[in-house]
N, C-alpha and C. Protein backbone atom coordinates (compact mmCIF):
# COMPACT_ATOMS: atom_id res chain seq x y z
N MET A 1 24.45 -9.84 -11.11
CA MET A 1 23.72 -11.31 -11.06
C MET A 1 22.45 -11.00 -11.06
N THR A 2 21.67 -11.63 -12.06
CA THR A 2 19.89 -11.60 -12.11
C THR A 2 19.57 -12.89 -11.12
N ALA A 3 18.24 -12.59 -10.62
CA ALA A 3 17.70 -13.79 -10.13
C ALA A 3 17.09 -14.57 -11.53
N THR A 4 17.05 -16.13 -11.37
CA THR A 4 16.44 -16.93 -12.18
C THR A 4 15.06 -16.87 -11.36
N THR A 5 13.81 -16.36 -11.79
CA THR A 5 12.73 -16.32 -11.06
C THR A 5 11.91 -17.70 -11.17
N SER A 6 11.31 -18.15 -10.09
CA SER A 6 10.53 -19.18 -10.01
C SER A 6 9.06 -18.30 -9.85
N SER A 7 7.97 -19.25 -10.17
CA SER A 7 6.49 -18.87 -9.86
C SER A 7 6.59 -18.40 -8.55
N SER A 8 5.57 -17.50 -8.43
CA SER A 8 5.40 -17.23 -6.71
C SER A 8 4.39 -17.87 -6.25
N ALA A 9 4.47 -18.18 -4.69
CA ALA A 9 3.19 -19.12 -4.11
C ALA A 9 3.33 -18.77 -2.74
N SER A 10 2.22 -18.52 -2.10
CA SER A 10 2.27 -18.31 -0.57
C SER A 10 2.50 -19.65 0.06
N PRO A 11 2.70 -19.46 1.18
CA PRO A 11 2.81 -20.80 2.20
C PRO A 11 1.48 -21.57 2.20
N ALA A 12 0.38 -20.87 2.24
CA ALA A 12 -0.65 -21.63 2.21
C ALA A 12 -1.18 -22.23 0.84
N ASP A 13 -0.61 -21.54 -0.29
CA ASP A 13 -0.81 -22.57 -1.57
C ASP A 13 0.19 -23.81 -1.45
N VAL A 14 1.28 -23.46 -1.19
CA VAL A 14 2.27 -24.82 -0.99
C VAL A 14 1.79 -25.72 -0.02
N VAL A 15 1.18 -25.34 1.00
CA VAL A 15 0.60 -26.34 1.81
C VAL A 15 -0.61 -26.99 1.23
N ALA A 16 -1.39 -26.46 0.53
CA ALA A 16 -2.55 -27.16 0.00
C ALA A 16 -2.12 -27.97 -1.30
N GLN A 17 -1.09 -27.50 -1.97
CA GLN A 17 -0.65 -28.17 -2.93
C GLN A 17 -0.04 -29.47 -2.39
N LEU A 18 0.66 -29.37 -1.49
CA LEU A 18 1.22 -30.67 -0.99
C LEU A 18 0.13 -31.55 -0.38
N ARG A 19 -0.75 -31.22 0.14
CA ARG A 19 -1.69 -31.90 0.81
C ARG A 19 -2.76 -32.49 -0.30
N SER A 20 -3.11 -31.84 -1.37
CA SER A 20 -3.81 -32.46 -2.52
C SER A 20 -3.04 -33.36 -3.02
N ALA A 21 -1.60 -33.36 -3.27
CA ALA A 21 -0.73 -34.33 -3.78
C ALA A 21 -0.29 -35.55 -3.01
N GLY A 22 -0.91 -35.36 -1.60
CA GLY A 22 -0.44 -36.29 -0.63
C GLY A 22 1.07 -36.59 -0.38
N LEU A 23 1.93 -35.43 -0.38
CA LEU A 23 3.33 -35.41 -0.29
C LEU A 23 3.56 -34.56 0.93
N THR A 24 4.64 -35.15 1.58
CA THR A 24 5.48 -34.34 3.07
C THR A 24 6.57 -33.54 2.42
N ILE A 25 6.94 -32.90 3.35
CA ILE A 25 8.12 -31.89 2.99
C ILE A 25 8.81 -31.69 4.11
N ALA A 26 10.18 -31.25 4.06
CA ALA A 26 10.95 -30.95 4.90
C ALA A 26 12.33 -30.12 4.28
N ALA A 27 12.78 -29.28 5.19
CA ALA A 27 13.57 -28.14 4.91
C ALA A 27 14.95 -28.44 5.46
N ALA A 28 15.96 -27.88 4.73
CA ALA A 28 17.62 -27.81 5.06
C ALA A 28 18.06 -26.30 5.05
N GLU A 29 17.98 -25.52 6.01
CA GLU A 29 18.10 -24.15 5.77
C GLU A 29 19.40 -23.43 6.49
N SER A 30 20.08 -22.80 5.51
CA SER A 30 21.40 -21.99 6.00
C SER A 30 20.91 -20.60 6.12
N LEU A 31 21.10 -19.62 5.40
CA LEU A 31 21.04 -18.47 5.43
C LEU A 31 19.49 -17.99 5.82
N THR A 32 18.44 -18.81 5.75
CA THR A 32 17.04 -18.63 6.13
C THR A 32 16.94 -18.96 7.47
N GLY A 33 17.76 -19.69 8.22
CA GLY A 33 17.74 -19.89 9.63
C GLY A 33 16.42 -20.62 9.87
N GLY A 34 15.50 -21.19 9.49
CA GLY A 34 14.17 -21.79 9.74
C GLY A 34 13.05 -20.85 9.29
N LEU A 35 13.25 -19.75 8.57
CA LEU A 35 12.23 -19.00 8.02
C LEU A 35 11.48 -19.75 6.90
N VAL A 36 11.88 -20.83 6.26
CA VAL A 36 11.06 -21.53 5.35
C VAL A 36 10.18 -22.41 6.23
N CYS A 37 10.67 -23.20 7.14
CA CYS A 37 9.85 -23.95 7.84
C CYS A 37 8.70 -23.22 8.77
N ALA A 38 9.05 -22.06 9.24
CA ALA A 38 8.24 -21.30 9.86
C ALA A 38 7.14 -20.79 9.11
N ALA A 39 7.38 -20.40 7.84
CA ALA A 39 6.47 -19.93 7.13
C ALA A 39 5.19 -21.14 6.71
N LEU A 40 5.89 -22.07 6.50
CA LEU A 40 4.97 -23.13 6.11
C LEU A 40 4.29 -23.66 7.35
N THR A 41 4.58 -23.78 8.40
CA THR A 41 3.91 -23.86 9.94
C THR A 41 3.17 -23.08 10.30
N ASP A 42 3.35 -21.82 9.77
CA ASP A 42 2.11 -20.76 10.21
C ASP A 42 0.73 -20.93 9.75
N VAL A 43 0.87 -22.01 8.56
CA VAL A 43 -0.39 -22.08 7.76
C VAL A 43 -1.13 -23.49 8.86
N PRO A 44 -2.53 -23.11 8.88
CA PRO A 44 -3.26 -24.06 9.83
C PRO A 44 -3.22 -25.42 8.80
N GLY A 45 -3.14 -26.31 9.54
CA GLY A 45 -2.84 -27.71 8.89
C GLY A 45 -1.72 -28.24 8.53
N ALA A 46 -0.87 -27.45 8.59
CA ALA A 46 0.70 -27.66 7.94
C ALA A 46 1.12 -29.17 8.49
N SER A 47 0.50 -29.42 9.71
CA SER A 47 0.96 -30.84 10.26
C SER A 47 0.86 -31.75 9.46
N ALA A 48 -0.04 -31.76 8.41
CA ALA A 48 -0.52 -32.93 7.58
C ALA A 48 0.69 -33.01 6.50
N VAL A 49 1.43 -32.11 6.38
CA VAL A 49 2.62 -32.18 5.35
C VAL A 49 4.01 -31.81 5.62
N VAL A 50 4.09 -30.98 6.75
CA VAL A 50 5.57 -30.62 6.94
C VAL A 50 6.03 -31.63 7.97
N ARG A 51 7.18 -32.25 7.79
CA ARG A 51 7.92 -33.20 8.63
C ARG A 51 8.80 -32.67 9.54
N GLY A 52 9.60 -31.46 9.24
CA GLY A 52 10.44 -30.80 10.01
C GLY A 52 11.36 -30.05 9.23
N ALA A 53 12.46 -29.70 9.92
CA ALA A 53 13.44 -28.83 9.34
C ALA A 53 14.86 -29.19 10.07
N VAL A 54 16.08 -28.83 9.32
CA VAL A 54 17.33 -28.72 9.93
C VAL A 54 17.98 -27.36 9.38
N VAL A 55 18.37 -26.48 10.75
CA VAL A 55 18.96 -25.44 10.50
C VAL A 55 20.35 -25.63 10.44
N SER A 56 20.95 -25.74 9.40
CA SER A 56 22.49 -25.98 9.34
C SER A 56 23.31 -24.90 8.85
N TYR A 57 23.18 -23.86 10.12
CA TYR A 57 23.93 -22.71 9.64
C TYR A 57 25.48 -22.74 9.71
N ALA A 58 25.89 -23.60 10.45
CA ALA A 58 27.60 -23.84 10.44
C ALA A 58 27.72 -24.89 9.28
N THR A 59 28.85 -24.57 8.52
CA THR A 59 29.20 -25.35 7.25
C THR A 59 29.71 -26.67 7.83
N ASP A 60 29.91 -26.92 8.78
CA ASP A 60 30.43 -28.55 9.34
C ASP A 60 29.08 -29.30 9.46
N LEU A 61 27.96 -28.81 9.76
CA LEU A 61 26.65 -29.47 10.21
C LEU A 61 25.97 -29.83 8.76
N LYS A 62 26.41 -29.19 7.76
CA LYS A 62 25.98 -29.49 6.51
C LYS A 62 26.29 -30.93 5.99
N ALA A 63 27.47 -30.91 6.30
CA ALA A 63 28.26 -32.68 6.20
C ALA A 63 27.76 -33.43 7.14
N SER A 64 27.86 -33.22 8.32
CA SER A 64 27.49 -34.12 9.39
C SER A 64 26.44 -34.46 9.60
N VAL A 65 25.29 -33.54 9.41
CA VAL A 65 23.92 -33.96 9.65
C VAL A 65 23.17 -34.25 8.36
N LEU A 66 23.54 -33.48 7.36
CA LEU A 66 22.69 -33.65 5.97
C LEU A 66 23.31 -34.28 5.08
N GLY A 67 24.58 -34.79 5.17
CA GLY A 67 25.50 -35.56 4.51
C GLY A 67 26.04 -34.80 2.94
N VAL A 68 26.13 -33.62 3.16
CA VAL A 68 26.59 -32.84 1.81
C VAL A 68 28.13 -33.34 1.91
N ASP A 69 28.48 -33.67 0.68
CA ASP A 69 29.95 -34.20 0.35
C ASP A 69 30.86 -33.08 1.14
N PRO A 70 31.89 -33.52 2.14
CA PRO A 70 32.85 -32.68 2.70
C PRO A 70 33.94 -32.09 1.48
N GLN A 71 34.15 -32.85 0.58
CA GLN A 71 35.06 -32.27 -0.31
C GLN A 71 34.35 -31.22 -1.21
N VAL A 72 32.95 -31.37 -1.42
CA VAL A 72 32.56 -30.34 -2.16
C VAL A 72 32.48 -29.05 -1.43
N LEU A 73 32.25 -29.18 -0.09
CA LEU A 73 32.27 -28.04 0.89
C LEU A 73 33.81 -27.54 0.93
N ALA A 74 34.73 -28.28 0.95
CA ALA A 74 36.12 -27.76 1.20
C ALA A 74 36.64 -27.17 -0.32
N SER A 75 36.22 -27.66 -1.46
CA SER A 75 36.71 -27.27 -2.52
C SER A 75 35.89 -26.05 -3.08
N GLY A 76 34.52 -25.69 -2.65
CA GLY A 76 33.89 -24.51 -3.22
C GLY A 76 33.04 -23.74 -2.29
N GLY A 77 33.38 -24.07 -0.88
CA GLY A 77 32.42 -23.45 -0.05
C GLY A 77 31.00 -24.06 0.24
N ALA A 78 30.13 -23.31 1.07
CA ALA A 78 28.96 -23.58 1.44
C ALA A 78 27.87 -22.82 0.57
N VAL A 79 28.40 -21.95 -0.23
CA VAL A 79 27.41 -21.22 -1.08
C VAL A 79 27.61 -21.65 -2.57
N GLN A 80 26.96 -22.82 -3.03
CA GLN A 80 27.07 -23.22 -4.31
C GLN A 80 25.83 -24.15 -4.58
N ASP A 81 25.73 -24.32 -6.01
CA ASP A 81 24.41 -25.26 -6.24
C ASP A 81 24.53 -26.45 -5.60
N ARG A 82 25.90 -27.25 -6.06
CA ARG A 82 25.85 -28.58 -5.37
C ARG A 82 25.41 -28.78 -4.00
N VAL A 83 25.92 -27.79 -2.86
CA VAL A 83 25.43 -27.70 -1.83
C VAL A 83 24.03 -27.64 -1.60
N ALA A 84 23.34 -26.79 -2.27
CA ALA A 84 22.02 -26.78 -1.89
C ALA A 84 21.28 -27.86 -2.33
N ARG A 85 21.51 -28.61 -3.55
CA ARG A 85 21.06 -29.72 -3.93
C ARG A 85 21.33 -30.72 -2.85
N GLU A 86 22.36 -30.97 -2.39
CA GLU A 86 22.72 -32.18 -1.34
C GLU A 86 22.01 -31.72 -0.02
N MET A 87 21.85 -30.62 0.46
CA MET A 87 21.05 -30.22 1.51
C MET A 87 19.44 -30.41 1.27
N ALA A 88 19.10 -30.27 0.07
CA ALA A 88 17.68 -30.59 -0.25
C ALA A 88 17.42 -32.25 0.02
N LEU A 89 18.37 -32.91 -0.54
CA LEU A 89 18.48 -34.50 -0.53
C LEU A 89 18.41 -34.90 1.06
N GLY A 90 19.35 -34.31 1.71
CA GLY A 90 19.65 -34.51 2.95
C GLY A 90 18.26 -33.99 3.95
N ALA A 91 17.68 -33.28 3.64
CA ALA A 91 16.59 -32.82 4.62
C ALA A 91 15.36 -33.91 4.33
N ALA A 92 15.40 -34.21 2.95
CA ALA A 92 14.29 -35.50 2.75
C ALA A 92 14.57 -36.52 3.29
N ARG A 93 15.78 -36.97 3.44
CA ARG A 93 16.37 -38.39 4.05
C ARG A 93 16.26 -38.21 5.34
N VAL A 94 16.64 -37.15 6.21
CA VAL A 94 16.86 -36.94 7.36
C VAL A 94 15.45 -36.85 8.24
N CYS A 95 14.48 -36.27 7.50
CA CYS A 95 13.07 -36.07 8.01
C CYS A 95 12.26 -36.98 7.53
N GLY A 96 12.61 -37.91 6.54
CA GLY A 96 11.72 -38.95 6.17
C GLY A 96 10.49 -38.30 5.26
N ALA A 97 10.74 -37.35 4.57
CA ALA A 97 10.00 -36.67 3.64
C ALA A 97 10.10 -36.95 2.13
N ASP A 98 8.99 -36.83 1.53
CA ASP A 98 9.02 -36.94 0.18
C ASP A 98 9.60 -35.62 -0.85
N ILE A 99 9.66 -34.65 -0.09
CA ILE A 99 10.22 -33.41 -0.86
C ILE A 99 11.07 -32.75 0.22
N GLY A 100 12.30 -32.48 -0.44
CA GLY A 100 13.23 -31.58 0.45
C GLY A 100 13.77 -30.39 -0.14
N ILE A 101 13.70 -29.44 0.74
CA ILE A 101 14.16 -27.91 0.54
C ILE A 101 15.67 -27.84 0.73
N GLY A 102 16.41 -27.13 0.32
CA GLY A 102 17.61 -26.62 0.62
C GLY A 102 17.92 -25.25 0.29
N THR A 103 18.41 -24.23 1.32
CA THR A 103 18.74 -22.92 1.13
C THR A 103 20.11 -22.75 1.70
N THR A 104 20.88 -22.10 0.64
CA THR A 104 22.14 -21.56 1.25
C THR A 104 22.70 -20.14 0.33
N GLY A 105 23.63 -19.33 1.18
CA GLY A 105 23.56 -18.18 0.52
C GLY A 105 24.34 -17.21 1.12
N VAL A 106 24.40 -15.84 0.73
CA VAL A 106 25.15 -14.95 1.72
C VAL A 106 23.99 -13.90 1.91
N ALA A 107 23.45 -13.50 3.02
CA ALA A 107 22.52 -12.48 3.33
C ALA A 107 23.18 -11.14 3.77
N GLY A 108 24.41 -11.27 4.01
CA GLY A 108 25.06 -10.02 4.47
C GLY A 108 25.16 -9.71 5.87
N PRO A 109 25.76 -8.56 6.26
CA PRO A 109 26.19 -7.68 5.39
C PRO A 109 27.47 -7.71 4.71
N ASP A 110 28.29 -8.66 4.81
CA ASP A 110 29.30 -8.77 4.33
C ASP A 110 29.59 -10.16 3.51
N PRO A 111 30.29 -10.04 2.47
CA PRO A 111 30.55 -11.30 1.60
C PRO A 111 31.22 -12.34 2.48
N GLN A 112 31.07 -13.64 2.11
CA GLN A 112 31.33 -14.81 2.72
C GLN A 112 32.21 -15.90 1.80
N ASP A 113 33.65 -16.00 2.04
CA ASP A 113 34.51 -16.80 1.47
C ASP A 113 34.52 -16.43 -0.07
N GLY A 114 34.64 -15.13 -0.18
CA GLY A 114 34.58 -14.56 -1.57
C GLY A 114 33.40 -14.49 -2.43
N VAL A 115 32.18 -14.76 -1.81
CA VAL A 115 30.97 -14.87 -2.48
C VAL A 115 30.05 -13.48 -2.06
N SER A 116 29.63 -13.12 -3.04
CA SER A 116 29.06 -11.67 -2.74
C SER A 116 27.62 -11.52 -2.16
N VAL A 117 27.43 -10.48 -1.38
CA VAL A 117 26.02 -10.60 -0.76
C VAL A 117 24.99 -10.69 -1.76
N GLY A 118 23.83 -11.36 -1.47
CA GLY A 118 22.75 -11.50 -2.38
C GLY A 118 22.82 -12.76 -3.17
N THR A 119 23.89 -13.75 -3.29
CA THR A 119 24.29 -14.69 -3.94
C THR A 119 23.50 -15.79 -3.32
N VAL A 120 22.52 -16.39 -3.57
CA VAL A 120 21.83 -17.46 -2.97
C VAL A 120 21.24 -18.70 -3.99
N PHE A 121 21.43 -19.86 -3.35
CA PHE A 121 21.00 -20.91 -4.25
C PHE A 121 20.00 -21.87 -3.34
N VAL A 122 18.89 -21.93 -4.18
CA VAL A 122 17.74 -22.67 -3.58
C VAL A 122 17.52 -24.03 -4.32
N ALA A 123 17.17 -25.13 -3.74
CA ALA A 123 17.04 -26.45 -4.33
C ALA A 123 15.79 -27.06 -3.76
N VAL A 124 15.09 -27.92 -4.49
CA VAL A 124 13.96 -28.68 -4.28
C VAL A 124 14.27 -30.07 -4.66
N ALA A 125 14.41 -31.08 -4.06
CA ALA A 125 14.50 -32.36 -4.44
C ALA A 125 13.38 -33.41 -4.09
N ARG A 126 13.29 -34.44 -4.83
CA ARG A 126 12.51 -35.57 -4.51
C ARG A 126 13.16 -36.54 -3.78
N ALA A 127 12.46 -37.21 -2.63
CA ALA A 127 13.24 -38.35 -1.89
C ALA A 127 14.04 -39.05 -2.68
N GLY A 128 15.66 -39.62 -2.54
CA GLY A 128 16.08 -40.41 -3.26
C GLY A 128 16.60 -40.05 -4.77
N GLN A 129 16.43 -38.83 -5.26
CA GLN A 129 16.69 -38.47 -6.29
C GLN A 129 18.42 -38.46 -6.36
N ALA A 130 18.85 -38.57 -7.64
CA ALA A 130 20.29 -38.20 -7.69
C ALA A 130 20.52 -36.58 -7.68
N ALA A 131 21.64 -36.29 -7.18
CA ALA A 131 21.97 -34.91 -6.97
C ALA A 131 21.83 -34.09 -8.16
N ASP A 132 21.98 -34.43 -9.28
CA ASP A 132 22.39 -34.07 -10.58
C ASP A 132 20.99 -33.76 -11.17
N GLU A 133 20.00 -34.52 -10.51
CA GLU A 133 18.58 -34.21 -10.88
C GLU A 133 17.71 -33.32 -10.29
N VAL A 134 18.33 -32.84 -8.98
CA VAL A 134 17.51 -31.83 -8.20
C VAL A 134 17.43 -30.51 -8.80
N GLN A 135 16.09 -29.88 -8.66
CA GLN A 135 15.81 -28.57 -9.18
C GLN A 135 16.62 -27.72 -8.42
N VAL A 136 17.39 -26.78 -8.98
CA VAL A 136 17.92 -25.64 -8.30
C VAL A 136 18.07 -24.14 -8.93
N ARG A 137 17.97 -23.43 -8.24
CA ARG A 137 18.01 -22.08 -8.73
C ARG A 137 19.18 -21.26 -8.06
N GLU A 138 20.04 -20.58 -8.91
CA GLU A 138 20.84 -19.38 -8.36
C GLU A 138 19.99 -18.11 -8.46
N LEU A 139 20.11 -17.36 -7.47
CA LEU A 139 19.43 -16.19 -7.27
C LEU A 139 20.49 -15.05 -6.89
N GLY A 140 20.27 -13.94 -7.36
CA GLY A 140 21.02 -12.52 -7.16
C GLY A 140 20.06 -11.79 -6.71
N LEU A 141 19.92 -11.61 -5.31
CA LEU A 141 19.10 -10.78 -4.73
C LEU A 141 19.94 -9.55 -4.18
N ASP A 142 19.00 -8.32 -4.10
CA ASP A 142 19.24 -7.12 -3.77
C ASP A 142 18.61 -6.89 -2.27
N GLY A 143 19.03 -5.74 -1.71
CA GLY A 143 18.39 -5.40 -0.41
C GLY A 143 19.19 -5.54 0.66
N ASP A 144 18.72 -5.48 2.00
CA ASP A 144 19.45 -5.74 3.02
C ASP A 144 19.02 -7.03 3.41
N ARG A 145 19.78 -7.72 4.51
CA ARG A 145 19.90 -8.97 5.01
C ARG A 145 18.40 -9.64 5.35
N ALA A 146 17.35 -8.74 5.82
CA ALA A 146 16.19 -9.16 6.14
C ALA A 146 15.38 -9.29 4.88
N ARG A 147 15.76 -8.43 3.80
CA ARG A 147 14.91 -8.76 2.44
C ARG A 147 15.40 -9.77 1.61
N ILE A 148 16.81 -10.04 1.87
CA ILE A 148 17.41 -11.32 1.00
C ILE A 148 17.13 -12.40 1.77
N ARG A 149 16.60 -12.72 2.87
CA ARG A 149 16.05 -13.88 3.46
C ARG A 149 14.78 -13.86 3.00
N ALA A 150 14.03 -12.99 3.04
CA ALA A 150 12.59 -13.14 2.87
C ALA A 150 12.42 -13.36 1.49
N SER A 151 13.39 -12.82 0.51
CA SER A 151 13.15 -13.22 -0.99
C SER A 151 13.58 -14.44 -1.15
N THR A 152 14.37 -14.78 -0.38
CA THR A 152 14.90 -16.58 -0.50
C THR A 152 13.66 -17.42 -0.18
N VAL A 153 12.91 -17.21 0.77
CA VAL A 153 11.94 -17.85 1.15
C VAL A 153 10.90 -17.86 0.12
N THR A 154 10.48 -16.68 -0.44
CA THR A 154 9.71 -16.37 -1.60
C THR A 154 9.81 -17.60 -2.76
N ALA A 155 11.34 -17.44 -3.05
CA ALA A 155 11.88 -18.19 -4.28
C ALA A 155 11.71 -19.70 -4.24
N VAL A 156 12.20 -19.91 -2.73
CA VAL A 156 12.16 -21.45 -2.72
C VAL A 156 10.59 -21.96 -2.73
N LEU A 157 9.76 -21.49 -2.07
CA LEU A 157 8.20 -21.94 -2.00
C LEU A 157 7.78 -21.89 -3.64
N GLY A 158 8.23 -21.09 -4.37
CA GLY A 158 7.85 -20.86 -5.88
C GLY A 158 8.28 -22.26 -6.49
N LEU A 159 9.58 -22.60 -6.33
CA LEU A 159 10.06 -23.73 -6.66
C LEU A 159 9.56 -25.00 -6.43
N VAL A 160 9.08 -24.87 -5.11
CA VAL A 160 8.35 -26.07 -4.57
C VAL A 160 7.17 -26.44 -5.66
N THR A 161 6.35 -25.21 -5.77
CA THR A 161 5.26 -25.41 -6.49
C THR A 161 5.53 -26.06 -7.96
N GLU A 162 6.56 -25.71 -8.44
CA GLU A 162 6.89 -26.19 -10.03
C GLU A 162 7.42 -27.50 -9.74
N VAL A 163 8.03 -27.99 -8.65
CA VAL A 163 8.45 -29.60 -8.66
C VAL A 163 7.23 -30.16 -8.43
N VAL A 164 6.31 -29.92 -7.45
CA VAL A 164 5.19 -30.59 -7.10
C VAL A 164 4.28 -30.72 -8.39
N SER A 165 4.17 -29.58 -9.19
CA SER A 165 3.30 -29.54 -10.54
C SER A 165 3.94 -30.85 -11.21
N GLN A 166 5.32 -30.70 -11.25
CA GLN A 166 5.96 -31.73 -12.30
C GLN A 166 5.57 -33.27 -11.95
N ILE A 167 5.75 -33.22 -10.37
CA ILE A 167 5.41 -34.63 -9.87
C ILE A 167 3.74 -35.07 -10.13
N GLY A 168 2.91 -34.16 -10.06
CA GLY A 168 1.50 -34.30 -10.48
C GLY A 168 1.30 -34.57 -11.80
N ALA A 169 2.13 -33.99 -12.86
CA ALA A 169 2.26 -34.43 -14.29
C ALA A 169 2.72 -35.79 -14.73
N SER A 170 3.78 -36.12 -13.90
CA SER A 170 4.45 -37.38 -14.11
C SER A 170 4.27 -38.59 -13.45
N GLY A 171 3.23 -38.43 -12.23
CA GLY A 171 3.37 -39.17 -11.07
C GLY A 171 4.38 -39.27 -10.34
N TRP A 172 4.07 -39.46 -8.91
CA TRP A 172 5.11 -39.76 -7.84
C TRP A 172 5.92 -41.03 -8.36
N THR A 173 7.24 -40.88 -8.39
CA THR A 173 8.11 -41.93 -8.36
C THR A 173 9.30 -41.84 -7.31
N GLY A 174 8.79 -41.62 -6.15
CA GLY A 174 9.70 -41.47 -4.97
C GLY A 174 10.99 -42.35 -4.98
N GLY A 175 12.04 -41.85 -4.30
CA GLY A 175 13.41 -42.71 -4.38
C GLY A 175 13.32 -43.56 -3.18
N VAL A 176 12.34 -43.57 -2.23
CA VAL A 176 12.37 -44.28 -0.99
C VAL A 176 11.83 -45.61 -1.06
N ASP A 177 12.83 -46.74 -0.82
CA ASP A 177 12.15 -48.09 -1.13
C ASP A 177 11.14 -48.51 -0.03
N GLU A 178 10.47 -49.86 -0.22
CA GLU A 178 9.42 -49.86 0.57
C GLU A 178 9.61 -50.13 1.91
N ALA A 179 10.96 -50.89 2.11
CA ALA A 179 11.31 -51.06 3.69
C ALA A 179 11.47 -49.92 4.28
N GLU A 180 11.89 -48.76 3.74
CA GLU A 180 12.08 -47.43 4.19
C GLU A 180 10.81 -47.02 4.56
N ASP A 181 10.04 -46.99 3.42
CA ASP A 181 8.63 -46.40 3.72
C ASP A 181 7.78 -46.82 4.59
N SER A 182 8.00 -47.99 5.05
CA SER A 182 7.28 -48.62 6.11
C SER A 182 7.01 -47.91 7.37
N GLY A 183 8.21 -47.26 7.73
CA GLY A 183 8.30 -46.49 9.02
C GLY A 183 7.79 -45.14 8.69
N ARG A 184 7.63 -44.42 7.62
CA ARG A 184 7.20 -43.16 7.58
C ARG A 184 5.78 -43.00 7.76
N VAL A 185 5.39 -41.82 8.27
CA VAL A 185 4.14 -41.52 8.34
C VAL A 185 3.57 -40.76 7.05
N ARG A 186 2.60 -41.20 6.58
CA ARG A 186 1.92 -40.73 5.06
C ARG A 186 0.50 -40.12 5.48
N ARG A 187 0.19 -38.84 5.38
CA ARG A 187 -1.16 -38.22 5.51
C ARG A 187 -1.88 -38.12 4.36
């Protein structure tokens, strides 16, 4: 399996881009276990854009906390594009963010539920988007557990920059209605 590459972006680049666009972000992480949020919050000034993260390492948390369809999880397991999409949407919803990130995959050392090590899905969603419209990438990553997890962080941050650039080109049309938006912190 080969990786579908996204543009590369440093956490500082992502924070600056989100800040410039006036957008907030949240993450739903499985195999990365909080690494995406940690990378973003290592950047000075990240509090202006980072709303939070949910580490949903256990499959049942993907459904109960993030709202991933239990039927999807039961029929195909936790490592699939639909799960990454729904995790990203759940992160945006749960944390009240404009952008949500989802990471799910197998970092190893062993396959999981018949899915080979290095199979990863990353997704980036706009709040309120339909799941089928969420940007997702399937990655086929090589290396040990640490390398697969680090490569996942790099890939999803690259995808964030692509999505935010698309938003900038088309204008923000968030899915959060005015009533929901009244309780959100916008910086």
